[in-house]
N, C-alpha and C. Protein backbone atom coordinates (compact mmCIF):
# COMPACT_ATOMS: atom_id res chain seq x y z
N MET A 1 179.91 90.67 135.67
CA MET A 1 180.90 91.44 136.91
C MET A 1 179.96 91.99 137.90
N HIS A 2 178.80 92.76 137.32
CA HIS A 2 177.89 93.37 138.38
C HIS A 2 177.16 92.32 139.17
N LEU A 3 176.55 91.37 138.34
CA LEU A 3 175.98 90.11 139.11
C LEU A 3 176.82 89.38 139.95
N LEU A 4 177.75 89.18 139.64
CA LEU A 4 178.83 88.75 140.89
C LEU A 4 178.75 89.29 142.15
N THR A 5 178.78 90.57 141.97
CA THR A 5 178.97 91.56 143.13
C THR A 5 177.54 91.36 143.97
N ILE A 6 176.40 91.76 143.30
CA ILE A 6 175.15 91.45 143.91
C ILE A 6 174.92 90.03 144.56
N THR A 7 175.47 89.09 143.89
CA THR A 7 175.40 87.67 144.39
C THR A 7 176.37 87.59 145.96
N ALA A 8 177.57 88.36 145.87
CA ALA A 8 178.32 88.48 146.84
C ALA A 8 178.16 89.09 148.20
N THR A 9 177.14 90.10 147.56
CA THR A 9 176.69 91.06 148.80
C THR A 9 175.66 90.44 149.81
N PRO A 10 175.87 90.30 151.00
CA PRO A 10 174.80 89.88 152.10
C PRO A 10 173.53 90.53 151.84
N SER A 11 172.46 89.57 151.87
CA SER A 11 171.04 89.93 151.63
C SER A 11 170.77 91.12 152.56
N SER A 12 171.38 91.13 153.99
CA SER A 12 171.03 92.29 154.88
C SER A 12 171.31 93.69 154.42
N PHE A 13 172.64 93.62 153.47
CA PHE A 13 173.04 94.75 153.20
C PHE A 13 172.05 95.44 151.99
N ILE A 14 171.73 94.42 151.17
CA ILE A 14 170.86 94.69 149.88
C ILE A 14 169.52 95.36 150.56
N LEU A 15 168.84 94.89 151.61
CA LEU A 15 167.68 95.20 152.46
C LEU A 15 167.90 96.59 152.83
N THR A 16 169.05 96.96 153.68
CA THR A 16 169.46 98.22 154.33
C THR A 16 169.18 99.20 153.08
N THR A 17 170.03 98.82 152.12
CA THR A 17 170.13 99.89 150.96
C THR A 17 168.72 100.36 150.46
N SER A 18 167.94 99.16 150.27
CA SER A 18 166.43 99.43 149.70
C SER A 18 165.63 100.05 150.82
N SER A 19 166.00 100.03 152.08
CA SER A 19 164.99 100.54 152.89
C SER A 19 165.58 102.04 152.88
N LEU A 20 166.88 102.33 152.78
CA LEU A 20 167.29 103.87 152.77
C LEU A 20 166.76 104.44 151.57
N THR A 21 166.86 103.75 150.42
CA THR A 21 166.12 104.29 149.39
C THR A 21 164.61 104.78 149.37
N ILE A 22 163.94 103.83 149.94
CA ILE A 22 162.44 104.04 150.04
C ILE A 22 162.13 105.29 151.27
N CYS A 23 162.88 105.39 152.34
CA CYS A 23 162.68 106.24 153.11
C CYS A 23 163.29 107.44 153.13
N GLU A 24 164.41 107.54 151.99
CA GLU A 24 165.47 108.46 151.95
C GLU A 24 166.15 108.40 153.32
N THR A 25 166.72 109.29 153.51
CA THR A 25 167.48 109.67 155.19
C THR A 25 166.95 110.98 155.68
N SER A 26 165.52 110.58 155.92
CA SER A 26 164.83 111.71 156.98
C SER A 26 165.31 111.61 158.14
N PRO A 27 165.32 112.52 158.88
CA PRO A 27 166.01 112.80 160.14
C PRO A 27 165.21 111.81 161.24
N ARG A 28 163.86 111.53 161.01
CA ARG A 28 163.33 110.45 161.88
C ARG A 28 163.52 109.14 161.88
N TRP A 29 163.96 108.76 160.47
CA TRP A 29 164.08 107.52 160.00
C TRP A 29 165.45 106.97 160.66
N LEU A 30 166.46 107.94 160.53
CA LEU A 30 167.62 107.84 161.04
C LEU A 30 167.67 107.78 162.43
N ALA A 31 166.98 108.54 163.32
CA ALA A 31 166.92 108.46 164.77
C ALA A 31 166.31 107.21 165.26
N TYR A 32 165.42 106.98 164.39
CA TYR A 32 164.73 105.32 164.56
C TYR A 32 165.81 104.38 164.41
N ARG A 33 166.44 104.44 163.48
CA ARG A 33 167.46 103.33 162.95
C ARG A 33 168.61 103.07 164.24
N TYR A 34 168.87 104.57 164.84
CA TYR A 34 169.76 104.66 165.57
C TYR A 34 169.41 104.21 166.90
N SER A 35 168.05 104.40 167.46
CA SER A 35 167.46 104.20 168.72
C SER A 35 167.49 102.44 168.44
N ARG A 36 166.91 102.14 167.50
CA ARG A 36 166.86 100.52 167.34
C ARG A 36 168.16 99.75 167.59
N LEU A 37 169.47 100.38 167.06
CA LEU A 37 170.66 99.90 167.17
C LEU A 37 170.80 100.12 168.70
N MET A 38 170.98 101.15 169.16
CA MET A 38 171.22 101.06 170.79
C MET A 38 170.32 99.78 171.50
N ALA A 39 168.94 99.85 171.40
CA ALA A 39 168.42 99.04 171.75
C ALA A 39 168.62 97.64 171.87
N THR A 40 169.40 97.27 170.58
CA THR A 40 169.57 95.89 170.28
C THR A 40 170.73 95.73 171.22
N LYS A 41 171.73 96.62 171.02
CA LYS A 41 173.01 96.39 171.68
C LYS A 41 172.76 96.12 173.29
N SER A 42 171.96 96.87 173.93
CA SER A 42 171.37 96.92 175.33
C SER A 42 170.84 95.72 175.72
N LEU A 43 169.85 95.18 174.58
CA LEU A 43 169.24 93.97 174.95
C LEU A 43 170.18 92.86 174.82
N LEU A 44 171.31 92.90 173.80
CA LEU A 44 172.13 91.58 173.95
C LEU A 44 172.96 91.65 175.12
N ALA A 45 173.50 92.86 175.61
CA ALA A 45 174.13 93.09 176.62
C ALA A 45 173.37 92.50 178.09
N LYS A 46 172.20 92.83 178.31
CA LYS A 46 171.49 92.20 179.37
C LYS A 46 170.16 91.25 179.25
N LYS A 47 170.27 90.41 177.91
CA LYS A 47 169.40 89.28 177.75
C LYS A 47 169.11 88.20 178.72
N ASP A 48 170.25 87.87 179.35
CA ASP A 48 170.08 86.60 179.97
C ASP A 48 169.53 87.18 181.31
N SER A 49 169.79 88.51 182.10
CA SER A 49 169.32 88.79 183.38
C SER A 49 168.10 89.48 182.82
N MET A 50 167.59 89.89 182.11
CA MET A 50 166.29 90.43 181.80
C MET A 50 164.87 89.63 182.08
N PRO A 51 164.03 89.88 182.77
CA PRO A 51 162.85 89.23 183.12
C PRO A 51 162.01 89.09 181.72
N ARG A 52 161.17 87.75 181.62
CA ARG A 52 160.42 87.54 180.61
C ARG A 52 159.50 88.82 180.07
N SER A 53 158.95 89.55 180.93
CA SER A 53 158.00 90.68 180.74
C SER A 53 158.58 91.65 180.35
N GLU A 54 160.04 91.90 180.69
CA GLU A 54 160.52 92.94 179.72
C GLU A 54 160.86 92.58 178.50
N ARG A 55 161.28 91.40 178.24
CA ARG A 55 161.52 90.99 176.78
C ARG A 55 160.36 91.22 176.14
N GLU A 56 159.50 90.78 176.48
CA GLU A 56 157.98 90.90 175.69
C GLU A 56 157.51 92.42 175.73
N ARG A 57 157.62 93.33 176.52
CA ARG A 57 157.32 94.56 176.26
C ARG A 57 158.36 95.15 175.40
N THR A 58 159.42 94.79 175.21
CA THR A 58 160.59 95.35 174.16
C THR A 58 159.92 94.90 173.01
N ALA A 59 159.67 93.60 172.70
CA ALA A 59 159.28 93.04 171.62
C ALA A 59 157.71 93.94 170.84
N ILE A 60 156.77 93.89 171.98
CA ILE A 60 155.96 94.90 171.46
C ILE A 60 156.09 96.07 170.94
N TYR A 61 156.93 97.08 171.79
CA TYR A 61 157.15 98.38 171.31
C TYR A 61 157.88 98.67 170.17
N ALA A 62 158.68 97.34 169.72
CA ALA A 62 159.47 97.32 168.29
C ALA A 62 158.41 97.26 167.31
N THR A 63 157.38 96.30 167.55
CA THR A 63 156.41 96.19 166.86
C THR A 63 155.61 97.20 166.43
N ARG A 64 155.17 97.87 167.47
CA ARG A 64 154.14 99.16 167.43
C ARG A 64 154.95 100.18 166.58
N CYS A 65 156.34 100.21 166.92
CA CYS A 65 157.09 101.24 166.02
C CYS A 65 157.01 101.21 164.50
N ARG A 66 157.04 99.64 164.35
CA ARG A 66 157.28 99.28 162.89
C ARG A 66 155.99 99.49 162.22
N SER A 67 154.94 99.17 162.89
CA SER A 67 153.52 99.16 162.14
C SER A 67 153.08 100.62 162.18
N ARG A 68 153.79 101.85 163.03
CA ARG A 68 153.52 103.12 162.59
C ARG A 68 154.05 103.74 161.59
N GLY A 69 154.84 103.05 160.75
CA GLY A 69 155.38 103.47 159.50
C GLY A 69 156.51 104.40 159.64
N PHE A 70 157.33 103.82 160.29
CA PHE A 70 158.89 104.41 160.28
C PHE A 70 159.70 103.58 159.39
């Protein structure tokens, strides 16, 4: 029964849960996740109209944040 539940669960949910467990729910981590969510939403909204350099800058910024250890 428990194995079936895990199999049915999307892998993204499992990853999110494990990430939350690792980082716990520190305010900085929550703020980071929230800002990433907002950035993703705004990116999706204006993806077609966005210049290429702007897209690249966003990708670079996201990578820099990730490597900083959030």
